[in-house]
C-alpha atoms as a PDB file:
ATOM      1  CA  MET A   1     274.835  79.787 163.334  1.00  0.00           C
ATOM      2  CA  PHE A   2     271.257  79.685 164.082  1.00  0.00           C
ATOM      3  CA  SER A   3     269.239  77.891 161.371  1.00  0.00           C
ATOM      4  CA  PHE A   4     265.982  79.932 160.725  1.00  0.00           C
ATOM      5  CA  TYR A   5     265.210  77.605 157.520  1.00  0.00           C
ATOM      6  CA  LYS A   6     265.326  74.227 159.890  1.00  0.00           C
ATOM      7  CA  HIS A   7     262.588  75.829 161.981  1.00  0.00           C
ATOM      8  CA  ARG A   8     260.561  77.353 159.375  1.00  0.00           C
ATOM      9  CA  LYS A   9     257.303  75.416 160.437  1.00  0.00           C
ATOM     10  CA  TRP A  10     257.236  77.433 163.721  1.00  0.00           C
ATOM     11  CA  TYR A  11     257.654  80.423 162.442  1.00  0.00           C
ATOM     12  CA  PHE A  12     254.638  79.418 159.464  1.00  0.00           C
ATOM     13  CA  LEU A  13     252.742  78.054 162.107  1.00  0.00           C
ATOM     14  CA  LEU A  14     252.886  81.475 164.245  1.00  0.00           C
ATOM     15  CA  SER A  15     251.969  83.538 161.651  1.00  0.00           C
ATOM     16  CA  ALA A  16     248.980  81.119 160.696  1.00  0.00           C
ATOM     17  CA  VAL A  17     247.725  81.587 164.267  1.00  0.00           C
ATOM     18  CA  LEU A  18     247.674  85.432 164.345  1.00  0.00           C
ATOM     19  CA  LEU A  19     246.177  85.552 161.165  1.00  0.00           C
ATOM     20  CA  LEU A  20     243.369  82.956 161.928  1.00  0.00           C
ATOM     21  CA  THR A  21     242.576  84.903 165.207  1.00  0.00           C
ATOM     22  CA  GLY A  22     242.299  87.996 163.379  1.00  0.00           C
ATOM     23  CA  LEU A  23     239.861  86.357 160.718  1.00  0.00           C
ATOM     24  CA  LEU A  24     237.851  84.886 163.681  1.00  0.00           C
ATOM     25  CA  VAL A  25     237.328  88.322 165.283  1.00  0.00           C
ATOM     26  CA  ALA A  26     236.642  89.778 161.852  1.00  0.00           C
ATOM     27  CA  ILE A  27     233.892  87.166 161.536  1.00  0.00           C
ATOM     28  CA  LEU A  28     232.619  87.263 165.049  1.00  0.00           C
ATOM     29  CA  PHE A  29     232.383  90.776 165.789  1.00  0.00           C
ATOM     30  CA  GLY A  30     232.385  92.699 162.512  1.00  0.00           C
ATOM     31  CA  ILE A  31     234.636  95.168 161.272  1.00  0.00           C
ATOM     32  CA  LYS A  32     234.147  99.018 162.408  1.00  0.00           C
ATOM     33  CA  LEU A  33     234.306 101.475 159.587  1.00  0.00           C
ATOM     34  CA  ASP A  34     235.039 105.244 160.560  1.00  0.00           C
ATOM     35  CA  ILE A  35     232.913 107.842 158.932  1.00  0.00           C
ATOM     36  CA  THR A  36     235.789 108.450 156.549  1.00  0.00           C
ATOM     37  CA  PHE A  37     235.160 105.307 154.637  1.00  0.00           C
ATOM     38  CA  LYS A  38     231.198 104.567 155.846  1.00  0.00           C
ATOM     39  CA  GLY A  39     229.966 108.045 155.566  1.00  0.00           C
ATOM     40  CA  GLY A  40     227.619 109.754 158.004  1.00  0.00           C
ATOM     41  CA  SER A  41     227.091 113.009 160.186  1.00  0.00           C
ATOM     42  CA  ILE A  42     229.325 115.425 161.763  1.00  0.00           C
ATOM     43  CA  LEU A  43     227.930 117.267 164.740  1.00  0.00           C
ATOM     44  CA  LYS A  44     230.260 120.356 165.996  1.00  0.00           C
ATOM     45  CA  TYR A  45     229.242 121.745 169.397  1.00  0.00           C
ATOM     46  CA  SER A  46     230.994 124.769 171.223  1.00  0.00           C
ATOM     47  CA  PHE A  47     231.647 124.448 175.074  1.00  0.00           C
ATOM     48  CA  THR A  48     233.880 126.083 177.623  1.00  0.00           C
ATOM     49  CA  GLY A  49     235.209 123.660 180.518  1.00  0.00           C
ATOM     50  CA  THR A  50     236.966 120.079 180.350  1.00  0.00           C
ATOM     51  CA  ILE A  51     235.589 116.862 179.322  1.00  0.00           C
ATOM     52  CA  ASP A  52     236.445 113.204 179.077  1.00  0.00           C
ATOM     53  CA  LEU A  53     236.308 112.242 175.228  1.00  0.00           C
ATOM     54  CA  GLN A  54     236.139 108.566 176.317  1.00  0.00           C
ATOM     55  CA  LYS A  55     233.097 108.878 178.760  1.00  0.00           C
ATOM     56  CA  THR A  56     231.553 111.185 175.923  1.00  0.00           C
ATOM     57  CA  GLU A  57     231.952 108.646 172.929  1.00  0.00           C
ATOM     58  CA  ASP A  58     230.350 105.970 175.446  1.00  0.00           C
ATOM     59  CA  ALA A  59     227.539 108.198 176.623  1.00  0.00           C
ATOM     60  CA  VAL A  60     226.662 109.466 173.080  1.00  0.00           C
ATOM     61  CA  SER A  61     227.121 106.010 171.350  1.00  0.00           C
ATOM     62  CA  GLU A  62     224.676 104.464 173.885  1.00  0.00           C
ATOM     63  CA  ALA A  63     222.019 107.380 173.577  1.00  0.00           C
ATOM     64  CA  ILE A  64     221.732 106.582 169.804  1.00  0.00           C
ATOM     65  CA  ASP A  65     223.251 103.207 169.435  1.00  0.00           C
ATOM     66  CA  LEU A  66     225.387 104.069 166.659  1.00  0.00           C
ATOM     67  CA  ILE A  67     229.348 104.011 166.260  1.00  0.00           C
ATOM     68  CA  VAL A  68     230.675 107.240 167.475  1.00  0.00           C
ATOM     69  CA  THR A  69     234.041 108.979 167.574  1.00  0.00           C
ATOM     70  CA  CYS A  70     234.664 112.250 169.452  1.00  0.00           C
ATOM     71  CA  GLN A  71     237.388 114.945 168.925  1.00  0.00           C
ATOM     72  CA  GLU A  72     238.236 118.184 170.925  1.00  0.00           C
ATOM     73  CA  THR A  73     239.385 121.317 169.023  1.00  0.00           C
ATOM     74  CA  SER A  74     240.214 124.391 170.238  1.00  0.00           C
ATOM     75  CA  SER A  75     239.633 128.283 168.841  1.00  0.00           C
ATOM     76  CA  PHE A  76     242.339 130.649 168.470  1.00  0.00           C
ATOM     77  CA  SER A  77     239.692 133.536 168.365  1.00  0.00           C
ATOM     78  CA  SER A  78     238.095 132.695 172.044  1.00  0.00           C
ATOM     79  CA  ASP A  79     238.156 130.590 175.495  1.00  0.00           C
ATOM     80  CA  ALA A  80     235.519 128.163 173.486  1.00  0.00           C
ATOM     81  CA  THR A  81     236.528 124.510 172.569  1.00  0.00           C
ATOM     82  CA  ASN A  82     234.803 122.660 170.056  1.00  0.00           C
ATOM     83  CA  LEU A  83     233.574 119.003 170.499  1.00  0.00           C
ATOM     84  CA  VAL A  84     233.382 117.330 167.123  1.00  0.00           C
ATOM     85  CA  ILE A  85     231.060 114.139 167.056  1.00  0.00           C
ATOM     86  CA  ASN A  86     231.320 111.680 164.065  1.00  0.00           C
ATOM     87  CA  VAL A  87     228.589 109.573 163.673  1.00  0.00           C
ATOM     88  CA  ALA A  88     229.372 106.767 160.960  1.00  0.00           C
ATOM     89  CA  GLY A  89     225.902 105.662 158.981  1.00  0.00           C
ATOM     90  CA  ASN A  90     224.287 106.131 155.743  1.00  0.00           C
ATOM     91  CA  GLN A  91     221.681 108.484 156.889  1.00  0.00           C
ATOM     92  CA  ALA A  92     221.742 111.850 158.444  1.00  0.00           C
ATOM     93  CA  LEU A  93     220.966 112.034 162.002  1.00  0.00           C
ATOM     94  CA  SER A  94     216.990 112.319 162.564  1.00  0.00           C
ATOM     95  CA  LEU A  95     215.871 115.615 165.028  1.00  0.00           C
ATOM     96  CA  ASP A  96     215.325 112.908 167.759  1.00  0.00           C
ATOM     97  CA  GLN A  97     218.740 111.619 167.384  1.00  0.00           C
ATOM     98  CA  GLN A  98     220.326 115.163 167.612  1.00  0.00           C
ATOM     99  CA  THR A  99     218.171 115.733 170.770  1.00  0.00           C
ATOM    100  CA  ALA A 100     219.201 112.158 172.363  1.00  0.00           C
ATOM    101  CA  ILE A 101     222.709 113.562 171.814  1.00  0.00           C
ATOM    102  CA  GLN A 102     222.054 116.860 173.514  1.00  0.00           C
ATOM    103  CA  ASP A 103     220.539 115.120 176.314  1.00  0.00           C
ATOM    104  CA  ALA A 104     223.243 112.874 176.717  1.00  0.00           C
ATOM    105  CA  LEU A 105     225.765 115.554 177.022  1.00  0.00           C
ATOM    106  CA  ALA A 106     223.652 117.735 179.519  1.00  0.00           C
ATOM    107  CA  LYS A 107     223.423 114.457 181.726  1.00  0.00           C
ATOM    108  CA  LEU A 108     227.143 113.608 181.310  1.00  0.00           C
ATOM    109  CA  TYR A 109     228.249 117.228 181.977  1.00  0.00           C
ATOM    110  CA  PRO A 110     225.530 119.102 183.798  1.00  0.00           C
ATOM    111  CA  ASP A 111     227.375 122.180 184.381  1.00  0.00           C
ATOM    112  CA  ILE A 112     228.545 122.977 181.039  1.00  0.00           C
ATOM    113  CA  PRO A 113     226.407 124.255 178.553  1.00  0.00           C
ATOM    114  CA  PHE A 114     226.908 122.492 174.724  1.00  0.00           C
ATOM    115  CA  ASN A 115     225.924 124.861 171.733  1.00  0.00           C
ATOM    116  CA  LEU A 116     225.295 123.404 168.312  1.00  0.00           C
ATOM    117  CA  GLU A 117     227.292 124.870 165.820  1.00  0.00           C
ATOM    118  CA  SER A 118     227.217 122.930 162.628  1.00  0.00           C
ATOM    119  CA  SER A 119     225.433 119.506 161.644  1.00  0.00           C
ATOM    120  CA  ASN A 120     226.947 118.190 158.023  1.00  0.00           C
ATOM    121  CA  LEU A 121     226.405 114.908 156.195  1.00  0.00           C
ATOM    122  CA  VAL A 122     229.116 113.121 154.657  1.00  0.00           C
ATOM    123  CA  ASP A 123     227.827 111.074 151.382  1.00  0.00           C
ATOM    124  CA  PRO A 124     228.713 107.305 151.802  1.00  0.00           C
ATOM    125  CA  PHE A 125     229.865 107.340 148.259  1.00  0.00           C
ATOM    126  CA  ILE A 126     232.583 109.846 149.011  1.00  0.00           C
ATOM    127  CA  GLY A 127     233.836 107.558 151.401  1.00  0.00           C
ATOM    128  CA  ARG A 128     233.817 104.214 149.143  1.00  0.00           C
ATOM    129  CA  GLU A 129     235.383 106.352 146.688  1.00  0.00           C
ATOM    130  CA  LEU A 130     238.346 107.281 149.255  1.00  0.00           C
ATOM    131  CA  LEU A 131     238.509 103.683 150.365  1.00  0.00           C
ATOM    132  CA  VAL A 132     239.019 102.216 146.767  1.00  0.00           C
ATOM    133  CA  LYS A 133     241.623 104.750 146.081  1.00  0.00           C
ATOM    134  CA  GLY A 134     243.369 103.887 149.188  1.00  0.00           C
ATOM    135  CA  LEU A 135     243.414 100.112 148.190  1.00  0.00           C
ATOM    136  CA  TRP A 136     244.374 101.299 144.785  1.00  0.00           C
ATOM    137  CA  ALA A 137     247.379 103.066 146.370  1.00  0.00           C
ATOM    138  CA  ILE A 138     248.352 100.088 148.020  1.00  0.00           C
ATOM    139  CA  LEU A 139     248.065  97.677 145.311  1.00  0.00           C
ATOM    140  CA  ILE A 140     249.935 100.006 143.106  1.00  0.00           C
ATOM    141  CA  ALA A 141     252.781 100.416 145.774  1.00  0.00           C
ATOM    142  CA  SER A 142     252.955  96.481 146.079  1.00  0.00           C
ATOM    143  CA  VAL A 143     253.523  96.004 142.267  1.00  0.00           C
ATOM    144  CA  LEU A 144     256.225  98.642 141.961  1.00  0.00           C
ATOM    145  CA  ILE A 145     258.238  97.045 145.231  1.00  0.00           C
ATOM    146  CA  VAL A 146     257.951  93.538 143.401  1.00  0.00           C
ATOM    147  CA  ALA A 147     259.178  94.802 140.178  1.00  0.00           C
ATOM    148  CA  TYR A 148     261.769  96.651 141.712  1.00  0.00           C
ATOM    149  CA  VAL A 149     263.015  93.740 143.700  1.00  0.00           C
ATOM    150  CA  TRP A 150     262.387  91.383 140.562  1.00  0.00           C
ATOM    151  CA  PHE A 151     264.849  93.719 138.287  1.00  0.00           C
ATOM    152  CA  SER A 152     267.387  94.422 141.218  1.00  0.00           C
ATOM    153  CA  PHE A 153     267.906  90.630 142.121  1.00  0.00           C
ATOM    154  CA  ARG A 154     267.394  89.466 138.658  1.00  0.00           C
ATOM    155  CA  SER A 155     270.862  87.602 139.179  1.00  0.00           C
ATOM    156  CA  MET A 156     269.456  85.377 142.166  1.00  0.00           C
ATOM    157  CA  SER A 157     266.455  84.430 140.141  1.00  0.00           C
ATOM    158  CA  GLY A 158     264.333  87.863 140.365  1.00  0.00           C
ATOM    159  CA  PRO A 159     260.752  86.167 140.047  1.00  0.00           C
ATOM    160  CA  SER A 160     261.326  84.121 142.803  1.00  0.00           C
ATOM    161  CA  ALA A 161     262.614  86.891 144.931  1.00  0.00           C
ATOM    162  CA  GLY A 162     259.777  89.246 144.285  1.00  0.00           C
ATOM    163  CA  VAL A 163     257.265  86.886 144.571  1.00  0.00           C
ATOM    164  CA  MET A 164     258.518  85.972 147.929  1.00  0.00           C
ATOM    165  CA  ALA A 165     258.739  89.700 149.068  1.00  0.00           C
ATOM    166  CA  LEU A 166     255.259  89.886 148.211  1.00  0.00           C
ATOM    167  CA  VAL A 167     253.938  87.290 150.452  1.00  0.00           C
ATOM    168  CA  ALA A 168     255.883  88.421 153.134  1.00  0.00           C
ATOM    169  CA  LEU A 169     254.565  92.151 152.718  1.00  0.00           C
ATOM    170  CA  PHE A 170     250.818  90.591 152.408  1.00  0.00           C
ATOM    171  CA  HIS A 171     251.755  89.063 155.405  1.00  0.00           C
ATOM    172  CA  ASP A 172     252.284  92.322 156.902  1.00  0.00           C
ATOM    173  CA  VAL A 173     249.631  94.463 155.461  1.00  0.00           C
ATOM    174  CA  ILE A 174     246.772  91.575 156.725  1.00  0.00           C
ATOM    175  CA  LEU A 175     248.135  91.613 159.927  1.00  0.00           C
ATOM    176  CA  VAL A 176     248.248  95.284 160.454  1.00  0.00           C
ATOM    177  CA  PHE A 177     244.800  95.236 159.170  1.00  0.00           C
ATOM    178  CA  PHE A 178     243.639  92.548 161.803  1.00  0.00           C
ATOM    179  CA  VAL A 179     245.207  94.822 164.460  1.00  0.00           C
ATOM    180  CA  PHE A 180     242.719  97.543 163.659  1.00  0.00           C
ATOM    181  CA  VAL A 181     239.927  94.624 163.601  1.00  0.00           C
ATOM    182  CA  VAL A 182     241.019  93.085 166.905  1.00  0.00           C
ATOM    183  CA  LEU A 183     241.664  96.471 168.574  1.00  0.00           C
ATOM    184  CA  ARG A 184     238.163  97.651 167.555  1.00  0.00           C
ATOM    185  CA  ILE A 185     239.725 100.633 165.797  1.00  0.00           C
ATOM    186  CA  PRO A 186     237.457 101.981 163.273  1.00  0.00           C
ATOM    187  CA  LEU A 187     238.971 101.791 159.638  1.00  0.00           C
ATOM    188  CA  ASN A 188     239.792 105.153 158.370  1.00  0.00           C
ATOM    189  CA  GLU A 189     242.603 107.273 156.467  1.00  0.00           C
ATOM    190  CA  SER A 190     245.293 105.997 159.120  1.00  0.00           C
ATOM    191  CA  LEU A 191     245.071 102.514 157.777  1.00  0.00           C
ATOM    192  CA  VAL A 192     245.977 103.371 154.329  1.00  0.00           C
ATOM    193  CA  ALA A 193     249.008 105.342 156.034  1.00  0.00           C
ATOM    194  CA  VAL A 194     249.887 102.706 158.140  1.00  0.00           C
ATOM    195  CA  ILE A 195     249.949 100.028 155.851  1.00  0.00           C
ATOM    196  CA  LEU A 196     251.860 102.145 152.804  1.00  0.00           C
ATOM    197  CA  SER A 197     254.583 103.109 155.619  1.00  0.00           C
ATOM    198  CA  ILE A 198     254.996  99.328 156.488  1.00  0.00           C
ATOM    199  CA  LEU A 199     255.422  98.412 152.758  1.00  0.00           C
ATOM    200  CA  GLY A 200     258.230 100.779 152.900  1.00  0.00           C
ATOM    201  CA  PHE A 201     259.965  99.517 156.127  1.00  0.00           C
ATOM    202  CA  SER A 202     259.471  95.827 155.310  1.00  0.00           C
ATOM    203  CA  ILE A 203     260.852  95.849 151.987  1.00  0.00           C
ATOM    204  CA  ASN A 204     263.820  97.531 152.958  1.00  0.00           C
ATOM    205  CA  ASP A 205     264.433  95.133 155.692  1.00  0.00           C
ATOM    206  CA  THR A 206     264.132  92.424 152.858  1.00  0.00           C
ATOM    207  CA  ILE A 207     266.170  93.931 150.361  1.00  0.00           C
ATOM    208  CA  VAL A 208     269.122  94.059 153.121  1.00  0.00           C
ATOM    209  CA  VAL A 209     268.813  90.232 153.511  1.00  0.00           C
ATOM    210  CA  TYR A 210     268.217  89.533 149.706  1.00  0.00           C
ATOM    211  CA  ASP A 211     271.675  91.337 149.257  1.00  0.00           C
ATOM    212  CA  ARG A 212     273.808  89.677 151.528  1.00  0.00           C
ATOM    213  CA  ILE A 213     272.257  86.362 150.315  1.00  0.00           C
ATOM    214  CA  ARG A 214     273.480  87.860 146.402  1.00  0.00           C
ATOM    215  CA  GLU A 215     277.067  88.823 148.101  1.00  0.00           C
ATOM    216  CA  ASN A 216     277.169  85.352 150.089  1.00  0.00           C
ATOM    217  CA  GLU A 217     276.234  83.413 146.392  1.00  0.00           C
ATOM    218  CA  ARG A 218     279.230  85.299 144.813  1.00  0.00           C
ATOM    219  CA  LEU A 219     281.688  84.773 147.476  1.00  0.00           C
ATOM    220  CA  THR A 220     280.917  81.148 147.798  1.00  0.00           C
ATOM    221  CA  LYS A 221     280.775  80.730 143.964  1.00  0.00           C
ATOM    222  CA  GLY A 222     277.309  79.052 144.101  1.00  0.00           C
ATOM    223  CA  LYS A 223     278.822  76.260 146.212  1.00  0.00           C
ATOM    224  CA  MET A 224     276.711  76.504 149.402  1.00  0.00           C
ATOM    225  CA  PRO A 225     273.375  74.964 149.793  1.00  0.00           C
ATOM    226  CA  LEU A 226     270.772  77.335 149.571  1.00  0.00           C
ATOM    227  CA  PRO A 227     269.248  76.828 153.124  1.00  0.00           C
ATOM    228  CA  ASP A 228     272.884  77.226 154.567  1.00  0.00           C
ATOM    229  CA  LEU A 229     273.184  80.573 152.188  1.00  0.00           C
ATOM    230  CA  VAL A 230     269.855  81.977 153.630  1.00  0.00           C
ATOM    231  CA  ASP A 231     270.711  81.147 157.245  1.00  0.00           C
ATOM    232  CA  LEU A 232     274.254  82.905 156.908  1.00  0.00           C
ATOM    233  CA  SER A 233     272.950  85.760 155.326  1.00  0.00           C
ATOM    234  CA  VAL A 234     269.966  86.193 157.642  1.00  0.00           C
ATOM    235  CA  ASN A 235     272.573  85.990 160.838  1.00  0.00           C
ATOM    236  CA  GLN A 236     274.669  88.293 159.119  1.00  0.00           C
ATOM    237  CA  SER A 237     272.028  90.771 158.917  1.00  0.00           C
ATOM    238  CA  LEU A 238     270.338  90.283 162.025  1.00  0.00           C
ATOM    239  CA  THR A 239     272.088  92.990 164.199  1.00  0.00           C
ATOM    240  CA  ARG A 240     271.442  95.679 161.501  1.00  0.00           C
ATOM    241  CA  SER A 241     267.632  94.641 161.261  1.00  0.00           C
ATOM    242  CA  ILE A 242     266.813  94.204 164.958  1.00  0.00           C
ATOM    243  CA  ASN A 243     268.784  97.500 165.790  1.00  0.00           C
ATOM    244  CA  THR A 244     266.841  99.588 162.887  1.00  0.00           C
ATOM    245  CA  SER A 245     263.665  98.243 164.190  1.00  0.00           C
ATOM    246  CA  LEU A 246     264.170  99.164 167.816  1.00  0.00           C
ATOM    247  CA  CYS A 247     265.137 102.827 167.075  1.00  0.00           C
ATOM    248  CA  THR A 248     262.221 102.885 164.758  1.00  0.00           C
ATOM    249  CA  PHE A 249     259.888 101.246 167.391  1.00  0.00           C
ATOM    250  CA  GLY A 250     260.995 103.857 169.933  1.00  0.00           C
ATOM    251  CA  ALA A 251     260.144 106.792 167.949  1.00  0.00           C
ATOM    252  CA  VAL A 252     256.675 105.952 167.236  1.00  0.00           C
ATOM    253  CA  THR A 253     256.418 104.437 170.779  1.00  0.00           C
ATOM    254  CA  VAL A 254     257.366 108.458 171.823  1.00  0.00           C
ATOM    255  CA  ALA A 255     254.619 109.237 169.790  1.00  0.00           C
ATOM    256  CA  TYR A 256     252.094 107.124 170.897  1.00  0.00           C
ATOM    257  CA  ILE A 257     252.829 107.986 174.703  1.00  0.00           C
ATOM    258  CA  PHE A 258     252.405 111.553 173.658  1.00  0.00           C
ATOM    259  CA  ALA A 259     249.292 111.095 171.871  1.00  0.00           C
ATOM    260  CA  VAL A 260     248.123 109.359 174.994  1.00  0.00           C
ATOM    261  CA  ILE A 261     248.735 111.961 177.323  1.00  0.00           C
ATOM    262  CA  ASN A 262     247.256 114.882 175.319  1.00  0.00           C
ATOM    263  CA  ASN A 263     244.215 112.209 174.008  1.00  0.00           C
ATOM    264  CA  ILE A 264     244.874 112.706 170.430  1.00  0.00           C
ATOM    265  CA  ASP A 265     243.117 109.947 168.844  1.00  0.00           C
ATOM    266  CA  SER A 266     244.060 110.519 165.320  1.00  0.00           C
ATOM    267  CA  ILE A 267     248.126 109.719 166.319  1.00  0.00           C
ATOM    268  CA  LYS A 268     246.863 106.958 168.829  1.00  0.00           C
ATOM    269  CA  GLU A 269     245.267 104.988 165.783  1.00  0.00           C
ATOM    270  CA  PHE A 270     248.150 105.508 163.578  1.00  0.00           C
ATOM    271  CA  ALA A 271     251.110 104.999 166.186  1.00  0.00           C
ATOM    272  CA  LEU A 272     249.841 101.633 167.619  1.00  0.00           C
ATOM    273  CA  PRO A 273     249.070 100.053 164.613  1.00  0.00           C
ATOM    274  CA  MET A 274     252.580 100.943 163.106  1.00  0.00           C
ATOM    275  CA  MET A 275     254.459  99.674 166.083  1.00  0.00           C
ATOM    276  CA  ILE A 276     252.876  96.360 165.789  1.00  0.00           C
ATOM    277  CA  GLY A 277     253.421  96.490 161.956  1.00  0.00           C
ATOM    278  CA  LEU A 278     257.223  97.459 162.573  1.00  0.00           C
ATOM    279  CA  ILE A 279     257.318  94.288 164.685  1.00  0.00           C
ATOM    280  CA  SER A 280     255.687  92.355 161.881  1.00  0.00           C
ATOM    281  CA  GLY A 281     257.844  93.726 159.279  1.00  0.00           C
ATOM    282  CA  SER A 282     260.993  92.608 161.190  1.00  0.00           C
ATOM    283  CA  TYR A 283     259.739  89.324 161.724  1.00  0.00           C
ATOM    284  CA  SER A 284     258.592  88.463 158.046  1.00  0.00           C
ATOM    285  CA  THR A 285     262.074  89.405 156.738  1.00  0.00           C
ATOM    286  CA  ILE A 286     264.017  87.160 159.219  1.00  0.00           C
ATOM    287  CA  PHE A 287     261.529  84.203 159.649  1.00  0.00           C
ATOM    288  CA  LEU A 288     259.265  84.318 156.427  1.00  0.00           C
ATOM    289  CA  ALA A 289     261.062  85.820 153.247  1.00  0.00           C
ATOM    290  CA  GLY A 290     264.313  83.461 153.383  1.00  0.00           C
ATOM    291  CA  PRO A 291     262.863  80.156 154.020  1.00  0.00           C
ATOM    292  CA  LEU A 292     259.967  80.913 151.652  1.00  0.00           C
ATOM    293  CA  TRP A 293     262.505  81.782 149.034  1.00  0.00           C
ATOM    294  CA  VAL A 294     264.627  78.592 149.515  1.00  0.00           C
ATOM    295  CA  MET A 295     261.278  76.806 149.587  1.00  0.00           C
ATOM    296  CA  TRP A 296     260.581  78.049 146.192  1.00  0.00           C
ATOM    297  CA  LYS A 297     263.875  77.407 144.745  1.00  0.00           C
ATOM    298  CA  THR A 298     264.140  73.780 146.039  1.00  0.00           C
ATOM    299  CA  ARG A 299     260.738  72.820 145.002  1.00  0.00           C
ATOM    300  CA  SER A 300     261.664  70.720 142.360  1.00  0.00           C
ATOM    301  CA  GLY A 301     264.966  69.405 143.764  1.00  0.00           C
ATOM    302  CA  ARG A 302     266.937  72.541 142.577  1.00  0.00           C
ATOM    303  CA  THR A 303     269.696  73.734 144.819  1.00  0.00           C
ATOM    304  CA  GLY A 304     271.414  76.287 142.860  1.00  0.00           C
ATOM    305  CA  TYR A 305     270.494  79.293 140.845  1.00  0.00           C
END
């Protein structure tokens, strides 16, 4: 039987290195905010032809020296395609900036005429309000999860089980956040969606391990030392956790590959962090939650419940 508790310091060290790396990247290179949270301008152009969205983003961003994201939409009523350019910022684009965008498009695609259909400004206040509501949604979900674990596993010291489950969840949430930062994905509504999804996945895995701990404690009548009890429970749940993670990871990977082939940014921005979050959720369940709970329970020399 593999001892997860014995090697816990190595797992804690790996988590610390990953989190510190994300923090350093955030400090050195900053955090990119999408128009959803930061506000800005939305320009919609109609055109007929084929374009490369990545090259378009780079050209427009260089022309106006601002963060830009581009989307391509199709019209069902005609053969025309729409290019939607999102420019994050707290002010509307000036006439000179709009002209610079038009010139950049004309230079990049000299044979494709782009016609400006609409230009709108997203109020930064709306973006901030959406960000705050998203954070509240994450906080409320976390509190409800801990309350459920606290109540469900009160026979094995619910408060400590709930707190350690919350620590593991925070580990996953912060790691997913740093995925956006390191990969330079602008923070948008996908961040909230990924975090809420990972919270549900990770706590489900943790509950399975806790349930095995509770059952094994009943079978051994509390005579097995806590480190051995947790190691036994994690080993018994290991195959189930890995298989579940692999199945979910495979499904999300298919979605990511589909998005890459069809150049769908919204799905890519959700699927890639989700894939890493799934790995983190399984990791925190197997290597962090159980050992942390044992450390909490034995901090004063206690070995029983």
